[in-house]
Amino acid sequence: MTADRAAAAQLGLRERKKLMTRQAILDTAAEMFAERGYDNVTVVEIADAVNISAKTVFVYFPAKDDLVFHGEDELCERLVGAVRERPEGESPLEAVVGVIRAELTSAGAGSVDELERLRGLVGDSLVLQARMRLMWERFECALAAQLAEEEGLHPYAPRPRVVAAQLVLIYRLLASQEVLDHIRAKPKTRRRAAFAEWLDTSADLVGDGIGEYGRR
């Protein structure tokens, strides 16, 4: 039994039904978006396919684009949490790279497929492109606030804000179409290693500027 299923089994019937409904909405939306494109699917159509009302969809996901970026809050907290709770001797750069590396490792060979799915979904949708840019900016602001607090600086002070931008840059590039095309050009057996190499090179280059910043 997986950890998620074990946790779900401990919930009451009402909570389990809510989790099932949420997942059904996500699964249905993902299928419809992949088939017809995000901009060509309405929330009403998703709701009809799940046999619920559009109002119920918005109870779980306040905005339509939340159906695509539903894991944003958790990812932001993982990044900030890794920096906040980094052990003695570790830098913010090492903490963030550790989170990214763990995600690539857990995704395994499917990491390229997952990124391709996301990039294909975002595609030419101006709404999703804007939401993705907003997501990266939100990550930067959250990391900058954590770093500024550690230094006793104003949240918008230049040092933590610039460092945060560099940290997020690594993640943003790994999720870009350009990097995906670079990885896809490799044989399938080499793609996971190519991702790791890109991450290592990015960390080394960024580290030339902020590698020792904030080391505990």
N, C-alpha and C. Protein backbone atom coordinates (compact mmCIF):
# COMPACT_ATOMS: atom_id res chain seq x y z
N MET A 1 0.85 -1.20 0.00
CA MET A 1 0.00 0.00 0.00
C MET A 1 0.88 1.24 0.00
N THR A 2 0.62 2.17 -0.91
CA THR A 2 1.42 3.39 -0.98
C THR A 2 1.11 4.29 0.19
N ALA A 3 2.00 5.28 0.41
CA ALA A 3 1.79 6.21 1.52
C ALA A 3 0.50 6.99 1.33
N ASP A 4 0.21 7.42 0.06
CA ASP A 4 -1.01 8.18 -0.20
C ASP A 4 -2.25 7.34 0.07
N ARG A 5 -2.23 6.08 -0.36
CA ARG A 5 -3.39 5.22 -0.12
C ARG A 5 -3.55 4.90 1.34
N ALA A 6 -2.43 4.72 2.03
CA ALA A 6 -2.49 4.44 3.47
C ALA A 6 -3.09 5.63 4.21
N ALA A 7 -2.67 6.84 3.78
CA ALA A 7 -3.22 8.04 4.42
C ALA A 7 -4.70 8.17 4.12
N ALA A 8 -5.07 7.88 2.87
CA ALA A 8 -6.49 7.99 2.49
C ALA A 8 -7.34 7.00 3.26
N ALA A 9 -6.79 5.80 3.53
CA ALA A 9 -7.54 4.78 4.24
C ALA A 9 -7.86 5.20 5.67
N GLN A 10 -7.06 6.10 6.22
CA GLN A 10 -7.28 6.56 7.58
C GLN A 10 -8.28 7.71 7.66
N LEU A 11 -8.67 8.22 6.51
CA LEU A 11 -9.62 9.32 6.49
C LEU A 11 -11.05 8.80 6.60
N GLY A 12 -11.93 9.70 7.00
CA GLY A 12 -13.34 9.34 7.04
C GLY A 12 -13.93 9.26 5.64
N LEU A 13 -15.14 8.74 5.54
CA LEU A 13 -15.79 8.56 4.23
C LEU A 13 -15.93 9.89 3.50
N ARG A 14 -16.32 10.93 4.20
CA ARG A 14 -16.52 12.24 3.57
C ARG A 14 -15.20 12.76 2.97
N GLU A 15 -14.12 12.63 3.73
CA GLU A 15 -12.83 13.11 3.25
C GLU A 15 -12.34 12.29 2.06
N ARG A 16 -12.57 10.97 2.11
CA ARG A 16 -12.16 10.12 1.00
C ARG A 16 -12.93 10.47 -0.27
N LYS A 17 -14.21 10.74 -0.12
CA LYS A 17 -15.02 11.10 -1.29
C LYS A 17 -14.55 12.43 -1.89
N LYS A 18 -14.14 13.36 -1.03
CA LYS A 18 -13.64 14.64 -1.52
C LYS A 18 -12.34 14.45 -2.28
N LEU A 19 -11.45 13.60 -1.76
CA LEU A 19 -10.20 13.32 -2.45
C LEU A 19 -10.45 12.65 -3.79
N MET A 20 -11.40 11.73 -3.83
CA MET A 20 -11.73 11.03 -5.07
C MET A 20 -12.31 11.99 -6.10
N THR A 21 -13.16 12.90 -5.63
CA THR A 21 -13.75 13.89 -6.55
C THR A 21 -12.67 14.81 -7.10
N ARG A 22 -11.78 15.26 -6.23
CA ARG A 22 -10.69 16.14 -6.67
C ARG A 22 -9.84 15.46 -7.73
N GLN A 23 -9.49 14.18 -7.47
CA GLN A 23 -8.66 13.46 -8.42
C GLN A 23 -9.39 13.21 -9.73
N ALA A 24 -10.68 12.95 -9.65
CA ALA A 24 -11.47 12.73 -10.88
C ALA A 24 -11.50 14.00 -11.72
N ILE A 25 -11.62 15.14 -11.08
CA ILE A 25 -11.60 16.42 -11.80
C ILE A 25 -10.26 16.60 -12.50
N LEU A 26 -9.16 16.36 -11.77
CA LEU A 26 -7.82 16.52 -12.35
C LEU A 26 -7.61 15.56 -13.52
N ASP A 27 -7.97 14.30 -13.34
CA ASP A 27 -7.76 13.30 -14.39
C ASP A 27 -8.57 13.65 -15.64
N THR A 28 -9.81 14.04 -15.44
CA THR A 28 -10.68 14.37 -16.57
C THR A 28 -10.17 15.61 -17.29
N ALA A 29 -9.80 16.63 -16.53
CA ALA A 29 -9.29 17.86 -17.12
C ALA A 29 -8.02 17.59 -17.93
N ALA A 30 -7.10 16.80 -17.36
CA ALA A 30 -5.85 16.50 -18.05
C ALA A 30 -6.11 15.79 -19.37
N GLU A 31 -7.05 14.86 -19.36
CA GLU A 31 -7.38 14.11 -20.58
C GLU A 31 -7.99 15.03 -21.64
N MET A 32 -8.89 15.89 -21.21
CA MET A 32 -9.55 16.78 -22.16
C MET A 32 -8.60 17.85 -22.68
N PHE A 33 -7.74 18.37 -21.81
CA PHE A 33 -6.76 19.37 -22.24
C PHE A 33 -5.79 18.76 -23.25
N ALA A 34 -5.34 17.52 -22.98
CA ALA A 34 -4.40 16.87 -23.89
C ALA A 34 -5.02 16.60 -25.24
N GLU A 35 -6.29 16.31 -25.25
CA GLU A 35 -6.98 15.97 -26.49
C GLU A 35 -7.35 17.20 -27.32
N ARG A 36 -7.81 18.26 -26.65
CA ARG A 36 -8.37 19.40 -27.39
C ARG A 36 -7.63 20.71 -27.17
N GLY A 37 -6.73 20.76 -26.18
CA GLY A 37 -6.06 22.00 -25.86
C GLY A 37 -6.76 22.73 -24.74
N TYR A 38 -5.96 23.35 -23.87
CA TYR A 38 -6.50 24.02 -22.69
C TYR A 38 -7.56 25.07 -23.04
N ASP A 39 -7.27 25.91 -24.02
CA ASP A 39 -8.17 27.01 -24.35
C ASP A 39 -9.47 26.56 -24.98
N ASN A 40 -9.53 25.30 -25.42
CA ASN A 40 -10.72 24.80 -26.12
C ASN A 40 -11.62 23.95 -25.23
N VAL A 41 -11.31 23.92 -23.94
CA VAL A 41 -12.11 23.15 -22.98
C VAL A 41 -12.65 24.10 -21.92
N THR A 42 -13.92 23.97 -21.60
CA THR A 42 -14.52 24.81 -20.57
C THR A 42 -14.67 24.05 -19.26
N VAL A 43 -14.78 24.78 -18.18
CA VAL A 43 -15.00 24.16 -16.88
C VAL A 43 -16.33 23.43 -16.85
N VAL A 44 -17.33 23.98 -17.54
CA VAL A 44 -18.64 23.32 -17.61
C VAL A 44 -18.51 21.94 -18.24
N GLU A 45 -17.71 21.83 -19.31
CA GLU A 45 -17.52 20.54 -19.96
C GLU A 45 -16.81 19.55 -19.05
N ILE A 46 -15.84 20.03 -18.31
CA ILE A 46 -15.14 19.16 -17.35
C ILE A 46 -16.11 18.69 -16.28
N ALA A 47 -16.90 19.60 -15.76
CA ALA A 47 -17.87 19.26 -14.72
C ALA A 47 -18.88 18.23 -15.22
N ASP A 48 -19.37 18.42 -16.44
CA ASP A 48 -20.33 17.47 -17.02
C ASP A 48 -19.73 16.08 -17.14
N ALA A 49 -18.46 16.03 -17.53
CA ALA A 49 -17.80 14.73 -17.71
C ALA A 49 -17.62 14.00 -16.38
N VAL A 50 -17.47 14.77 -15.29
CA VAL A 50 -17.31 14.17 -13.96
C VAL A 50 -18.66 13.98 -13.27
N ASN A 51 -19.70 14.52 -13.90
CA ASN A 51 -21.07 14.45 -13.36
C ASN A 51 -21.23 15.26 -12.08
N ILE A 52 -20.65 16.44 -12.09
CA ILE A 52 -20.81 17.40 -11.00
C ILE A 52 -21.10 18.76 -11.62
N SER A 53 -21.35 19.75 -10.79
CA SER A 53 -21.61 21.09 -11.30
C SER A 53 -20.31 21.87 -11.46
N ALA A 54 -20.35 22.89 -12.31
CA ALA A 54 -19.19 23.76 -12.47
C ALA A 54 -18.86 24.44 -11.15
N LYS A 55 -19.87 24.76 -10.38
CA LYS A 55 -19.65 25.39 -9.07
C LYS A 55 -18.82 24.48 -8.17
N THR A 56 -19.06 23.17 -8.25
CA THR A 56 -18.30 22.23 -7.44
C THR A 56 -16.84 22.19 -7.87
N VAL A 57 -16.60 22.28 -9.18
CA VAL A 57 -15.22 22.32 -9.66
C VAL A 57 -14.48 23.49 -9.04
N PHE A 58 -15.14 24.64 -9.00
CA PHE A 58 -14.49 25.84 -8.47
C PHE A 58 -14.31 25.78 -6.94
N VAL A 59 -15.06 24.91 -6.28
CA VAL A 59 -14.82 24.69 -4.86
C VAL A 59 -13.44 24.07 -4.64
N TYR A 60 -13.08 23.15 -5.52
CA TYR A 60 -11.79 22.47 -5.42
C TYR A 60 -10.66 23.27 -6.07
N PHE A 61 -10.98 23.95 -7.16
CA PHE A 61 -9.97 24.70 -7.93
C PHE A 61 -10.55 26.07 -8.27
N PRO A 62 -10.16 27.11 -7.53
CA PRO A 62 -10.76 28.44 -7.69
C PRO A 62 -10.65 29.03 -9.09
N ALA A 63 -9.64 28.62 -9.86
CA ALA A 63 -9.48 29.13 -11.22
C ALA A 63 -9.19 27.97 -12.16
N LYS A 64 -9.56 28.12 -13.41
CA LYS A 64 -9.36 27.04 -14.38
C LYS A 64 -7.90 26.66 -14.49
N ASP A 65 -6.99 27.64 -14.46
CA ASP A 65 -5.57 27.30 -14.62
C ASP A 65 -5.01 26.55 -13.41
N ASP A 66 -5.73 26.55 -12.29
CA ASP A 66 -5.31 25.74 -11.15
C ASP A 66 -5.37 24.24 -11.48
N LEU A 67 -6.15 23.88 -12.48
CA LEU A 67 -6.23 22.48 -12.90
C LEU A 67 -4.92 22.01 -13.53
N VAL A 68 -4.14 22.94 -14.03
CA VAL A 68 -2.84 22.62 -14.63
C VAL A 68 -1.73 22.76 -13.60
N PHE A 69 -1.80 23.81 -12.77
CA PHE A 69 -0.73 24.11 -11.80
C PHE A 69 -1.17 23.76 -10.38
N HIS A 70 -1.86 22.64 -10.24
CA HIS A 70 -2.42 22.27 -8.94
C HIS A 70 -1.36 21.90 -7.91
N GLY A 71 -0.14 21.57 -8.33
CA GLY A 71 0.91 21.22 -7.38
C GLY A 71 1.84 22.37 -7.04
N GLU A 72 1.48 23.58 -7.46
CA GLU A 72 2.37 24.73 -7.30
C GLU A 72 2.68 25.05 -5.84
N ASP A 73 1.67 25.03 -4.99
CA ASP A 73 1.89 25.38 -3.58
C ASP A 73 2.84 24.39 -2.91
N GLU A 74 2.64 23.10 -3.20
CA GLU A 74 3.48 22.08 -2.58
C GLU A 74 4.93 22.21 -3.04
N LEU A 75 5.13 22.49 -4.32
CA LEU A 75 6.48 22.63 -4.84
C LEU A 75 7.17 23.85 -4.24
N CYS A 76 6.45 24.94 -4.13
CA CYS A 76 7.01 26.16 -3.54
C CYS A 76 7.45 25.88 -2.10
N GLU A 77 6.61 25.19 -1.37
CA GLU A 77 6.95 24.90 0.02
C GLU A 77 8.14 23.95 0.12
N ARG A 78 8.27 23.01 -0.81
CA ARG A 78 9.43 22.12 -0.79
C ARG A 78 10.71 22.91 -1.00
N LEU A 79 10.69 23.85 -1.93
CA LEU A 79 11.88 24.65 -2.20
C LEU A 79 12.24 25.52 -0.99
N VAL A 80 11.25 26.25 -0.48
CA VAL A 80 11.50 27.13 0.65
C VAL A 80 11.86 26.32 1.89
N GLY A 81 11.15 25.21 2.09
CA GLY A 81 11.43 24.36 3.24
C GLY A 81 12.84 23.79 3.22
N ALA A 82 13.31 23.43 2.04
CA ALA A 82 14.66 22.88 1.92
C ALA A 82 15.70 23.92 2.30
N VAL A 83 15.46 25.17 1.92
CA VAL A 83 16.38 26.25 2.29
C VAL A 83 16.29 26.55 3.78
N ARG A 84 15.07 26.64 4.28
CA ARG A 84 14.86 26.97 5.69
C ARG A 84 15.44 25.91 6.61
N GLU A 85 15.34 24.65 6.23
CA GLU A 85 15.74 23.55 7.11
C GLU A 85 17.07 22.92 6.70
N ARG A 86 17.84 23.59 5.84
CA ARG A 86 19.11 23.02 5.41
C ARG A 86 20.05 22.81 6.59
N PRO A 87 20.82 21.75 6.55
CA PRO A 87 21.70 21.43 7.69
C PRO A 87 22.94 22.31 7.73
N GLU A 88 23.66 22.18 8.80
CA GLU A 88 24.92 22.90 8.96
C GLU A 88 25.87 22.55 7.81
N GLY A 89 26.48 23.58 7.25
CA GLY A 89 27.43 23.37 6.17
C GLY A 89 26.84 23.40 4.77
N GLU A 90 25.52 23.47 4.66
CA GLU A 90 24.87 23.46 3.35
C GLU A 90 24.45 24.87 2.94
N SER A 91 24.56 25.16 1.67
CA SER A 91 24.17 26.47 1.14
C SER A 91 22.76 26.41 0.56
N PRO A 92 22.10 27.56 0.37
CA PRO A 92 20.79 27.56 -0.29
C PRO A 92 20.84 26.94 -1.68
N LEU A 93 21.93 27.18 -2.41
CA LEU A 93 22.06 26.59 -3.74
C LEU A 93 22.04 25.06 -3.65
N GLU A 94 22.79 24.51 -2.73
CA GLU A 94 22.83 23.06 -2.58
C GLU A 94 21.47 22.51 -2.14
N ALA A 95 20.77 23.27 -1.30
CA ALA A 95 19.46 22.83 -0.84
C ALA A 95 18.46 22.76 -1.99
N VAL A 96 18.43 23.79 -2.83
CA VAL A 96 17.48 23.83 -3.95
C VAL A 96 17.85 22.79 -5.00
N VAL A 97 19.12 22.67 -5.31
CA VAL A 97 19.55 21.65 -6.28
C VAL A 97 19.19 20.25 -5.76
N GLY A 98 19.27 20.06 -4.46
CA GLY A 98 18.89 18.78 -3.88
C GLY A 98 17.43 18.45 -4.12
N VAL A 99 16.56 19.45 -4.00
CA VAL A 99 15.13 19.24 -4.26
C VAL A 99 14.91 18.86 -5.72
N ILE A 100 15.55 19.60 -6.62
CA ILE A 100 15.38 19.33 -8.05
C ILE A 100 15.91 17.94 -8.39
N ARG A 101 17.07 17.60 -7.85
CA ARG A 101 17.66 16.30 -8.14
C ARG A 101 16.76 15.17 -7.62
N ALA A 102 16.18 15.37 -6.46
CA ALA A 102 15.28 14.35 -5.90
C ALA A 102 14.06 14.16 -6.78
N GLU A 103 13.55 15.26 -7.34
CA GLU A 103 12.39 15.16 -8.22
C GLU A 103 12.74 14.41 -9.50
N LEU A 104 13.88 14.71 -10.07
CA LEU A 104 14.30 14.01 -11.28
C LEU A 104 14.52 12.53 -11.00
N THR A 105 15.07 12.22 -9.83
CA THR A 105 15.32 10.83 -9.47
C THR A 105 14.02 10.07 -9.27
N SER A 106 13.07 10.70 -8.59
CA SER A 106 11.80 10.02 -8.33
C SER A 106 11.00 9.82 -9.60
N ALA A 107 11.12 10.78 -10.54
CA ALA A 107 10.41 10.66 -11.81
C ALA A 107 11.08 9.64 -12.72
N GLY A 108 12.38 9.45 -12.52
CA GLY A 108 13.10 8.47 -13.30
C GLY A 108 13.06 8.77 -14.79
N ALA A 109 12.87 7.72 -15.58
CA ALA A 109 12.85 7.87 -17.03
C ALA A 109 11.64 8.67 -17.49
N GLY A 110 10.64 8.81 -16.62
CA GLY A 110 9.44 9.54 -17.01
C GLY A 110 9.56 11.05 -16.87
N SER A 111 10.69 11.54 -16.38
CA SER A 111 10.84 12.98 -16.16
C SER A 111 10.73 13.76 -17.47
N VAL A 112 11.29 13.23 -18.55
CA VAL A 112 11.18 13.90 -19.84
C VAL A 112 9.74 13.90 -20.31
N ASP A 113 9.07 12.76 -20.18
CA ASP A 113 7.67 12.66 -20.62
C ASP A 113 6.78 13.63 -19.84
N GLU A 114 7.04 13.76 -18.55
CA GLU A 114 6.21 14.65 -17.73
C GLU A 114 6.43 16.11 -18.12
N LEU A 115 7.68 16.49 -18.35
CA LEU A 115 7.95 17.86 -18.78
C LEU A 115 7.37 18.12 -20.17
N GLU A 116 7.47 17.12 -21.03
CA GLU A 116 6.90 17.28 -22.37
C GLU A 116 5.39 17.45 -22.30
N ARG A 117 4.75 16.70 -21.39
CA ARG A 117 3.31 16.84 -21.22
C ARG A 117 2.95 18.26 -20.78
N LEU A 118 3.71 18.77 -19.80
CA LEU A 118 3.43 20.12 -19.30
C LEU A 118 3.66 21.17 -20.38
N ARG A 119 4.80 21.06 -21.09
CA ARG A 119 5.09 22.05 -22.13
C ARG A 119 4.08 21.96 -23.26
N GLY A 120 3.66 20.74 -23.60
CA GLY A 120 2.66 20.59 -24.64
C GLY A 120 1.33 21.18 -24.23
N LEU A 121 1.02 21.06 -22.96
CA LEU A 121 -0.22 21.60 -22.44
C LEU A 121 -0.20 23.12 -22.43
N VAL A 122 0.91 23.68 -21.98
CA VAL A 122 1.03 25.14 -21.97
C VAL A 122 1.00 25.67 -23.40
N GLY A 123 1.79 25.05 -24.27
CA GLY A 123 1.76 25.36 -25.70
C GLY A 123 1.69 26.83 -26.01
N ASP A 124 0.73 27.20 -26.83
CA ASP A 124 0.55 28.59 -27.24
C ASP A 124 -0.49 29.33 -26.38
N SER A 125 -0.94 28.70 -25.30
CA SER A 125 -1.95 29.34 -24.45
C SER A 125 -1.34 30.52 -23.71
N LEU A 126 -1.80 31.71 -24.01
CA LEU A 126 -1.28 32.90 -23.35
C LEU A 126 -1.61 32.89 -21.86
N VAL A 127 -2.76 32.30 -21.53
CA VAL A 127 -3.17 32.22 -20.12
C VAL A 127 -2.18 31.36 -19.33
N LEU A 128 -1.85 30.19 -19.87
CA LEU A 128 -0.94 29.29 -19.15
C LEU A 128 0.49 29.78 -19.17
N GLN A 129 0.90 30.43 -20.26
CA GLN A 129 2.24 31.01 -20.29
C GLN A 129 2.39 32.07 -19.22
N ALA A 130 1.36 32.91 -19.08
CA ALA A 130 1.39 33.95 -18.05
C ALA A 130 1.38 33.33 -16.65
N ARG A 131 0.60 32.28 -16.47
CA ARG A 131 0.53 31.62 -15.17
C ARG A 131 1.88 30.99 -14.82
N MET A 132 2.55 30.42 -15.80
CA MET A 132 3.86 29.82 -15.53
C MET A 132 4.87 30.89 -15.11
N ARG A 133 4.85 32.03 -15.80
CA ARG A 133 5.76 33.12 -15.42
C ARG A 133 5.45 33.61 -14.02
N LEU A 134 4.17 33.68 -13.69
CA LEU A 134 3.77 34.10 -12.35
C LEU A 134 4.23 33.09 -11.30
N MET A 135 4.18 31.81 -11.65
CA MET A 135 4.64 30.77 -10.73
C MET A 135 6.12 30.94 -10.41
N TRP A 136 6.96 31.16 -11.44
CA TRP A 136 8.39 31.33 -11.19
C TRP A 136 8.63 32.57 -10.33
N GLU A 137 7.90 33.64 -10.61
CA GLU A 137 8.07 34.86 -9.82
C GLU A 137 7.65 34.64 -8.37
N ARG A 138 6.59 33.87 -8.19
CA ARG A 138 6.14 33.58 -6.84
C ARG A 138 7.20 32.77 -6.08
N PHE A 139 7.82 31.82 -6.76
CA PHE A 139 8.89 31.03 -6.13
C PHE A 139 10.05 31.95 -5.73
N GLU A 140 10.41 32.86 -6.62
CA GLU A 140 11.49 33.80 -6.33
C GLU A 140 11.18 34.63 -5.09
N CYS A 141 9.97 35.16 -5.03
CA CYS A 141 9.59 36.01 -3.89
C CYS A 141 9.62 35.22 -2.59
N ALA A 142 9.13 33.98 -2.62
CA ALA A 142 9.10 33.16 -1.40
C ALA A 142 10.51 32.83 -0.93
N LEU A 143 11.39 32.48 -1.87
CA LEU A 143 12.78 32.19 -1.50
C LEU A 143 13.50 33.44 -1.02
N ALA A 144 13.25 34.58 -1.69
CA ALA A 144 13.87 35.83 -1.28
C ALA A 144 13.46 36.21 0.14
N ALA A 145 12.19 36.00 0.47
CA ALA A 145 11.71 36.33 1.81
C ALA A 145 12.42 35.47 2.86
N GLN A 146 12.61 34.19 2.55
CA GLN A 146 13.29 33.30 3.49
C GLN A 146 14.75 33.70 3.67
N LEU A 147 15.43 34.00 2.57
CA LEU A 147 16.83 34.39 2.64
C LEU A 147 17.01 35.73 3.35
N ALA A 148 16.10 36.66 3.09
CA ALA A 148 16.17 37.97 3.74
C ALA A 148 15.97 37.85 5.25
N GLU A 149 15.05 36.98 5.63
CA GLU A 149 14.81 36.77 7.06
C GLU A 149 16.07 36.23 7.74
N GLU A 150 16.76 35.34 7.08
CA GLU A 150 17.98 34.78 7.66
C GLU A 150 19.05 35.84 7.84
N GLU A 151 19.10 36.79 6.91
CA GLU A 151 20.12 37.84 6.97
C GLU A 151 19.67 39.04 7.77
N GLY A 152 18.41 39.06 8.16
CA GLY A 152 17.89 40.21 8.87
C GLY A 152 17.72 41.41 7.96
N LEU A 153 17.40 41.17 6.68
CA LEU A 153 17.26 42.24 5.70
C LEU A 153 15.80 42.44 5.32
N HIS A 154 15.54 43.54 4.65
CA HIS A 154 14.20 43.80 4.12
C HIS A 154 13.90 42.74 3.06
N PRO A 155 12.66 42.27 2.96
CA PRO A 155 12.30 41.24 1.98
C PRO A 155 12.67 41.58 0.55
N TYR A 156 12.75 42.89 0.23
CA TYR A 156 13.06 43.29 -1.15
C TYR A 156 14.49 43.78 -1.31
N ALA A 157 15.34 43.47 -0.33
CA ALA A 157 16.75 43.85 -0.43
C ALA A 157 17.39 43.15 -1.63
N PRO A 158 18.39 43.76 -2.25
CA PRO A 158 18.93 43.19 -3.50
C PRO A 158 19.59 41.83 -3.35
N ARG A 159 20.36 41.61 -2.30
CA ARG A 159 21.11 40.35 -2.19
C ARG A 159 20.19 39.12 -2.20
N PRO A 160 19.24 39.03 -1.27
CA PRO A 160 18.39 37.83 -1.28
C PRO A 160 17.53 37.73 -2.54
N ARG A 161 17.11 38.86 -3.10
CA ARG A 161 16.25 38.81 -4.30
C ARG A 161 17.02 38.30 -5.50
N VAL A 162 18.25 38.76 -5.68
CA VAL A 162 19.06 38.30 -6.81
C VAL A 162 19.43 36.83 -6.64
N VAL A 163 19.79 36.43 -5.42
CA VAL A 163 20.12 35.03 -5.17
C VAL A 163 18.91 34.14 -5.46
N ALA A 164 17.75 34.57 -5.00
CA ALA A 164 16.53 33.79 -5.23
C ALA A 164 16.25 33.63 -6.73
N ALA A 165 16.47 34.69 -7.49
CA ALA A 165 16.26 34.63 -8.93
C ALA A 165 17.20 33.62 -9.58
N GLN A 166 18.43 33.56 -9.09
CA GLN A 166 19.40 32.60 -9.63
C GLN A 166 19.01 31.17 -9.28
N LEU A 167 18.49 30.97 -8.09
CA LEU A 167 18.07 29.63 -7.67
C LEU A 167 16.91 29.14 -8.53
N VAL A 168 15.94 30.01 -8.75
CA VAL A 168 14.76 29.62 -9.54
C VAL A 168 15.13 29.45 -11.01
N LEU A 169 16.13 30.20 -11.46
CA LEU A 169 16.58 30.09 -12.86
C LEU A 169 16.92 28.65 -13.21
N ILE A 170 17.57 27.95 -12.32
CA ILE A 170 17.95 26.56 -12.59
C ILE A 170 16.72 25.71 -12.87
N TYR A 171 15.72 25.86 -12.03
CA TYR A 171 14.49 25.09 -12.19
C TYR A 171 13.75 25.51 -13.46
N ARG A 172 13.67 26.80 -13.68
CA ARG A 172 12.92 27.32 -14.84
C ARG A 172 13.53 26.82 -16.15
N LEU A 173 14.85 26.82 -16.24
CA LEU A 173 15.49 26.35 -17.46
C LEU A 173 15.25 24.86 -17.69
N LEU A 174 15.29 24.07 -16.62
CA LEU A 174 15.05 22.65 -16.77
C LEU A 174 13.64 22.36 -17.28
N ALA A 175 12.71 23.27 -17.02
CA ALA A 175 11.34 23.08 -17.47
C ALA A 175 11.06 23.80 -18.79
N SER A 176 12.10 24.31 -19.44
CA SER A 176 11.90 25.06 -20.68
C SER A 176 11.85 24.14 -21.89
N GLN A 177 11.21 24.62 -22.95
CA GLN A 177 11.12 23.84 -24.17
C GLN A 177 12.50 23.60 -24.77
N GLU A 178 13.38 24.59 -24.64
CA GLU A 178 14.71 24.47 -25.23
C GLU A 178 15.50 23.32 -24.60
N VAL A 179 15.46 23.24 -23.28
CA VAL A 179 16.16 22.14 -22.61
C VAL A 179 15.50 20.81 -22.94
N LEU A 180 14.19 20.81 -23.00
CA LEU A 180 13.48 19.58 -23.36
C LEU A 180 13.88 19.10 -24.74
N ASP A 181 13.99 20.01 -25.70
CA ASP A 181 14.43 19.63 -27.05
C ASP A 181 15.85 19.07 -27.01
N HIS A 182 16.69 19.68 -26.20
CA HIS A 182 18.08 19.20 -26.05
C HIS A 182 18.11 17.78 -25.51
N ILE A 183 17.29 17.51 -24.51
CA ILE A 183 17.25 16.18 -23.90
C ILE A 183 16.65 15.17 -24.87
N ARG A 184 15.60 15.56 -25.57
CA ARG A 184 14.92 14.66 -26.51
C ARG A 184 15.83 14.24 -27.66
N ALA A 185 16.84 15.02 -27.94
CA ALA A 185 17.77 14.69 -29.02
C ALA A 185 18.70 13.54 -28.63
N LYS A 186 18.71 13.20 -27.34
CA LYS A 186 19.57 12.12 -26.86
C LYS A 186 18.84 10.78 -27.01
N PRO A 187 19.59 9.68 -27.09
CA PRO A 187 18.95 8.35 -27.06
C PRO A 187 18.17 8.18 -25.76
N LYS A 188 17.11 7.41 -25.80
CA LYS A 188 16.27 7.25 -24.61
C LYS A 188 17.06 6.79 -23.39
N THR A 189 18.03 5.95 -23.61
CA THR A 189 18.82 5.44 -22.50
C THR A 189 19.73 6.49 -21.88
N ARG A 190 19.88 7.63 -22.57
CA ARG A 190 20.78 8.69 -22.10
C ARG A 190 20.04 9.89 -21.54
N ARG A 191 18.72 9.91 -21.64
CA ARG A 191 17.98 11.12 -21.31
C ARG A 191 18.01 11.45 -19.83
N ARG A 192 17.90 10.46 -19.00
CA ARG A 192 17.95 10.71 -17.56
C ARG A 192 19.30 11.28 -17.17
N ALA A 193 20.37 10.69 -17.73
CA ALA A 193 21.72 11.19 -17.45
C ALA A 193 21.91 12.59 -18.01
N ALA A 194 21.30 12.88 -19.16
CA ALA A 194 21.43 14.20 -19.76
C ALA A 194 20.76 15.26 -18.89
N PHE A 195 19.64 14.90 -18.27
CA PHE A 195 18.99 15.82 -17.33
C PHE A 195 19.92 16.11 -16.16
N ALA A 196 20.52 15.06 -15.62
CA ALA A 196 21.41 15.22 -14.47
C ALA A 196 22.62 16.07 -14.85
N GLU A 197 23.15 15.87 -16.05
CA GLU A 197 24.29 16.66 -16.50
C GLU A 197 23.93 18.13 -16.65
N TRP A 198 22.73 18.39 -17.19
CA TRP A 198 22.29 19.78 -17.32
C TRP A 198 22.16 20.42 -15.95
N LEU A 199 21.61 19.70 -15.01
CA LEU A 199 21.46 20.22 -13.65
C LEU A 199 22.82 20.50 -13.03
N ASP A 200 23.75 19.58 -13.19
CA ASP A 200 25.08 19.77 -12.62
C ASP A 200 25.78 20.99 -13.22
N THR A 201 25.69 21.12 -14.55
CA THR A 201 26.33 22.26 -15.22
C THR A 201 25.71 23.57 -14.77
N SER A 202 24.40 23.60 -14.67
CA SER A 202 23.70 24.81 -14.22
C SER A 202 24.12 25.19 -12.81
N ALA A 203 24.17 24.18 -11.93
CA ALA A 203 24.55 24.43 -10.54
C ALA A 203 25.98 24.94 -10.45
N ASP A 204 26.86 24.39 -11.27
CA ASP A 204 28.26 24.84 -11.26
C ASP A 204 28.38 26.30 -11.71
N LEU A 205 27.68 26.64 -12.79
CA LEU A 205 27.77 28.00 -13.33
C LEU A 205 27.15 29.02 -12.37
N VAL A 206 25.98 28.69 -11.84
CA VAL A 206 25.35 29.59 -10.87
C VAL A 206 26.19 29.66 -9.61
N GLY A 207 26.79 28.53 -9.25
CA GLY A 207 27.62 28.48 -8.06
C GLY A 207 28.82 29.37 -8.10
N ASP A 208 29.29 29.71 -9.32
CA ASP A 208 30.42 30.63 -9.43
C ASP A 208 30.09 31.99 -8.82
N GLY A 209 28.79 32.31 -8.79
CA GLY A 209 28.39 33.60 -8.24
C GLY A 209 27.82 33.54 -6.84
N ILE A 210 27.00 32.48 -6.55
CA ILE A 210 26.31 32.46 -5.26
C ILE A 210 26.55 31.16 -4.49
N GLY A 211 27.54 30.39 -4.92
CA GLY A 211 27.77 29.09 -4.31
C GLY A 211 27.99 29.12 -2.81
N GLU A 212 28.62 30.15 -2.30
CA GLU A 212 28.91 30.23 -0.87
C GLU A 212 27.93 31.12 -0.12
N TYR A 213 27.02 31.72 -0.85
CA TYR A 213 26.03 32.59 -0.18
C TYR A 213 25.19 31.79 0.80
N GLY A 214 25.10 32.28 2.01
CA GLY A 214 24.21 31.70 2.99
C GLY A 214 24.63 30.34 3.53
N ARG A 215 25.86 29.92 3.28
CA ARG A 215 26.29 28.61 3.79
C ARG A 215 26.30 28.63 5.32
N ARG A 216 25.72 27.63 5.92
CA ARG A 216 25.63 27.60 7.38
C ARG A 216 26.86 26.96 8.00
